């Protein structure tokens, strides 16, 4: 921890019943207003599009936010914490197959989705990858395809087994990202 005296830290274990273990998808995303007010966004977890029991998992975000003495921020969208990748300075990458899916956000246009997410997360630019619906429980979260390693640099997955369903889509994703610019107008470096 960079020279910090770790003996002065105390850890409080707080128990809560869950249906599954994918905390990244069920927990809140914390944001802070310019005045310092802390909030936890509840993304309305619905069991990855009603594919799995989520009675307890649907309560995780509010429980954590309340426990952290933050304000619960509700929204109209349904998504999971693992369904977006953010560079920290205004750019996000998402897959259409996951978040623009009728099992999460029926009748929501890409423009409506972008408007709400940009407002909540302080985003200026969203880069969309297609993804593939129905092949895994997440409907292709972006974290399988691409991750920011630092501002302006994206690590991508390229499937080399020609018989898999992801072979073509990973190549298409690479092309999309190679032709994308971030929120500051800079070309992305794709590795």
Protein backbone atom coordinates (compact mmCIF):
# COMPACT_ATOMS: atom_id res chain seq x y z
CA UNK A 1 0.00 0.00 0.00
CA UNK A 2 2.77 2.43 -0.86
CA UNK A 3 4.31 2.79 2.60
CA UNK A 4 1.02 3.12 4.49
CA UNK A 5 0.94 1.64 7.97
CA UNK A 6 -1.63 -1.10 7.37
CA UNK A 7 -1.84 -1.94 11.07
CA UNK A 8 -3.99 1.14 11.66
CA UNK A 9 -6.80 -0.03 9.37
CA UNK A 10 -9.78 -1.88 10.73
CA UNK A 11 -12.10 -3.99 8.64
CA UNK A 12 -15.74 -4.49 9.45
CA UNK A 13 -17.34 -7.56 7.90
CA UNK A 14 -20.97 -6.94 6.95
CA UNK A 15 -23.03 -9.93 5.90
CA UNK A 16 -25.84 -9.89 3.37
CA UNK A 17 -27.66 -12.75 1.66
CA UNK A 18 -27.24 -12.97 -2.12
CA UNK A 19 -28.41 -15.28 -4.88
CA UNK A 20 -25.10 -15.29 -6.78
CA UNK A 21 -21.53 -14.09 -6.44
CA UNK A 22 -21.16 -11.57 -9.28
CA UNK A 23 -20.75 -8.55 -7.07
CA UNK A 24 -19.54 -6.35 -9.93
CA UNK A 25 -22.91 -6.76 -11.61
CA UNK A 26 -25.15 -6.32 -8.57
CA UNK A 27 -23.33 -3.71 -6.48
CA UNK A 28 -23.89 0.03 -6.91
CA UNK A 29 -21.61 2.30 -8.88
CA UNK A 30 -20.63 5.21 -6.67
CA UNK A 31 -20.56 8.75 -8.00
CA UNK A 32 -19.87 12.09 -6.40
CA UNK A 33 -21.49 15.44 -7.18
CA UNK A 34 -19.33 18.55 -7.47
CA UNK A 35 -20.44 19.53 -3.95
CA UNK A 36 -19.03 16.25 -2.59
CA UNK A 37 -22.36 14.47 -2.06
CA UNK A 38 -21.85 10.72 -2.55
CA UNK A 39 -24.43 8.56 -4.30
CA UNK A 40 -24.77 4.90 -5.25
CA UNK A 41 -26.47 4.08 -8.56
CA UNK A 42 -28.87 1.15 -8.46
CA UNK A 43 -28.86 -0.30 -11.98
CA UNK A 44 -32.03 -2.36 -11.31
CA UNK A 45 -30.33 -5.75 -11.56
CA UNK A 46 -32.84 -8.25 -12.99
CA UNK A 47 -30.88 -11.50 -13.09
CA UNK A 48 -29.19 -10.80 -16.43
CA UNK A 49 -32.47 -10.39 -18.26
CA UNK A 50 -34.61 -12.63 -16.02
CA UNK A 51 -32.30 -15.61 -16.64
CA UNK A 52 -31.66 -16.28 -12.98
CA UNK A 53 -33.23 -15.85 -9.54
CA UNK A 54 -32.34 -12.41 -8.22
CA UNK A 55 -34.60 -11.72 -5.22
CA UNK A 56 -31.62 -10.95 -2.97
CA UNK A 57 -29.22 -9.75 -5.67
CA UNK A 58 -31.75 -7.07 -6.64
CA UNK A 59 -31.36 -5.61 -3.14
CA UNK A 60 -27.55 -5.52 -3.00
CA UNK A 61 -27.10 -2.03 -4.51
CA UNK A 62 -29.46 -0.29 -2.10
CA UNK A 63 -28.06 -2.18 0.90
CA UNK A 64 -24.47 -1.21 0.11
CA UNK A 65 -25.39 2.39 -0.68
CA UNK A 66 -27.33 2.78 2.56
CA UNK A 67 -24.56 1.10 4.56
CA UNK A 68 -22.06 3.56 3.03
CA UNK A 69 -24.27 6.50 4.08
CA UNK A 70 -24.76 7.55 0.49
CA UNK A 71 -27.86 8.60 -1.40
CA UNK A 72 -29.55 5.89 -3.49
CA UNK A 73 -29.79 6.98 -7.12
CA UNK A 74 -32.51 5.20 -9.04
CA UNK A 75 -32.83 5.22 -12.79
CA UNK A 76 -35.11 3.93 -15.50
CA UNK A 77 -32.54 1.65 -17.14
CA UNK A 78 -31.65 -1.96 -16.33
CA UNK A 79 -28.03 -3.04 -16.63
CA UNK A 80 -25.19 -4.54 -14.67
CA UNK A 81 -21.95 -3.08 -13.41
CA UNK A 82 -20.00 -5.36 -15.75
CA UNK A 83 -21.89 -4.16 -18.80
CA UNK A 84 -19.90 -0.95 -19.19
CA UNK A 85 -16.23 -0.06 -19.36
CA UNK A 86 -15.20 3.51 -18.49
CA UNK A 87 -11.85 5.29 -18.97
CA UNK A 88 -12.46 7.73 -16.09
CA UNK A 89 -12.41 10.88 -18.23
CA UNK A 90 -15.69 10.69 -20.12
CA UNK A 91 -15.53 7.70 -22.48
CA UNK A 92 -17.41 4.42 -22.12
CA UNK A 93 -17.63 1.23 -24.15
CA UNK A 94 -20.79 -0.91 -24.10
CA UNK A 95 -22.31 -3.76 -26.07
CA UNK A 96 -25.71 -3.35 -27.68
CA UNK A 97 -26.49 -7.05 -27.16
CA UNK A 98 -26.44 -6.65 -23.40
CA UNK A 99 -27.95 -3.27 -22.58
CA UNK A 100 -30.13 -2.60 -25.63
CA UNK A 101 -31.82 -5.95 -25.13
CA UNK A 102 -35.57 -6.43 -24.67
CA UNK A 103 -34.84 -8.57 -21.60
CA UNK A 104 -33.48 -5.47 -19.88
CA UNK A 105 -34.58 -2.28 -21.62
CA UNK A 106 -37.54 -2.93 -23.94
CA UNK A 107 -38.63 0.08 -25.98
CA UNK A 108 -35.56 2.12 -25.00
CA UNK A 109 -33.70 3.64 -27.93
CA UNK A 110 -29.94 3.94 -28.07
CA UNK A 111 -30.31 7.72 -27.84
CA UNK A 112 -32.51 7.52 -24.72
CA UNK A 113 -30.12 5.05 -23.13
CA UNK A 114 -27.10 7.24 -23.87
CA UNK A 115 -28.78 10.37 -22.53
CA UNK A 116 -29.55 8.82 -19.14
CA UNK A 117 -26.23 7.00 -18.72
CA UNK A 118 -24.18 10.04 -19.76
CA UNK A 119 -25.99 12.17 -17.20
CA UNK A 120 -25.51 9.63 -14.39
CA UNK A 121 -21.88 8.75 -15.02
CA UNK A 122 -20.60 12.06 -16.39
CA UNK A 123 -19.89 10.55 -19.79
CA UNK A 124 -19.32 12.53 -22.97
CA UNK A 125 -18.87 9.65 -25.43
CA UNK A 126 -20.14 6.08 -25.67
CA UNK A 127 -18.54 3.64 -28.10
CA UNK A 128 -20.90 0.81 -29.05
CA UNK A 129 -19.87 -2.74 -29.85
CA UNK A 130 -22.51 -5.18 -31.10
CA UNK A 131 -21.96 -8.27 -28.96
CA UNK A 132 -24.06 -11.41 -29.31
CA UNK A 133 -27.33 -12.07 -27.49
CA UNK A 134 -28.12 -15.37 -25.84
CA UNK A 135 -24.72 -17.08 -25.92
CA UNK A 136 -23.93 -16.43 -22.26
CA UNK A 137 -25.89 -15.27 -19.23
CA UNK A 138 -24.76 -11.63 -19.68
CA UNK A 139 -25.65 -11.36 -23.39
CA UNK A 140 -22.00 -10.41 -23.98
CA UNK A 141 -20.85 -7.91 -21.40
CA UNK A 142 -18.23 -5.58 -22.80
CA UNK A 143 -15.59 -6.84 -20.36
CA UNK A 144 -15.20 -9.99 -22.47
CA UNK A 145 -14.32 -7.93 -25.53
CA UNK A 146 -12.54 -4.77 -24.41
CA UNK A 147 -11.07 -3.09 -21.31
CA UNK A 148 -9.37 0.24 -20.84
CA UNK A 149 -5.85 -0.28 -19.46
CA UNK A 150 -5.34 3.49 -19.23
CA UNK A 151 -6.86 6.57 -20.79
CA UNK A 152 -6.71 6.17 -24.56
CA UNK A 153 -5.60 2.52 -24.53
CA UNK A 154 -7.96 -0.42 -24.95
CA UNK A 155 -7.03 -4.08 -24.58
CA UNK A 156 -9.20 -6.23 -26.84
CA UNK A 157 -10.04 -9.89 -27.20
CA UNK A 158 -9.53 -11.52 -30.59
CA UNK A 159 -10.93 -15.04 -30.88
CA UNK A 160 -8.71 -17.14 -33.12
CA UNK A 161 -10.75 -20.35 -33.14
CA UNK A 162 -12.72 -20.03 -36.39
CA UNK A 163 -15.53 -22.35 -35.25
CA UNK A 164 -16.64 -20.20 -32.30
CA UNK A 165 -19.49 -17.73 -32.45
CA UNK A 166 -17.17 -14.93 -31.29
CA UNK A 167 -14.64 -15.26 -34.14
CA UNK A 168 -16.20 -12.65 -36.46
CA UNK A 169 -17.58 -10.33 -33.77
CA UNK A 170 -14.17 -9.91 -32.09
CA UNK A 171 -12.68 -8.80 -35.40
CA UNK A 172 -15.55 -6.39 -35.96
CA UNK A 173 -15.05 -4.97 -32.45
CA UNK A 174 -11.36 -4.41 -33.13
CA UNK A 175 -12.20 -2.51 -36.31
CA UNK A 176 -14.80 -0.37 -34.51
CA UNK A 177 -12.33 0.49 -31.74
CA UNK A 178 -9.47 1.19 -34.15
CA UNK A 179 -11.74 3.72 -35.90
CA UNK A 180 -13.01 5.31 -32.67
CA UNK A 181 -11.97 8.43 -30.84
CA UNK A 182 -12.41 9.07 -27.13
CA UNK A 183 -14.30 11.92 -25.48
CA UNK A 184 -11.28 14.19 -25.90
CA UNK A 185 -11.06 13.56 -29.66
CA UNK A 186 -8.04 11.26 -29.46
CA UNK A 187 -7.68 8.09 -31.52
CA UNK A 188 -7.74 4.99 -29.33
CA UNK A 189 -4.68 2.76 -29.12
CA UNK A 190 -5.97 -0.79 -29.51
CA UNK A 191 -3.86 -3.67 -28.20
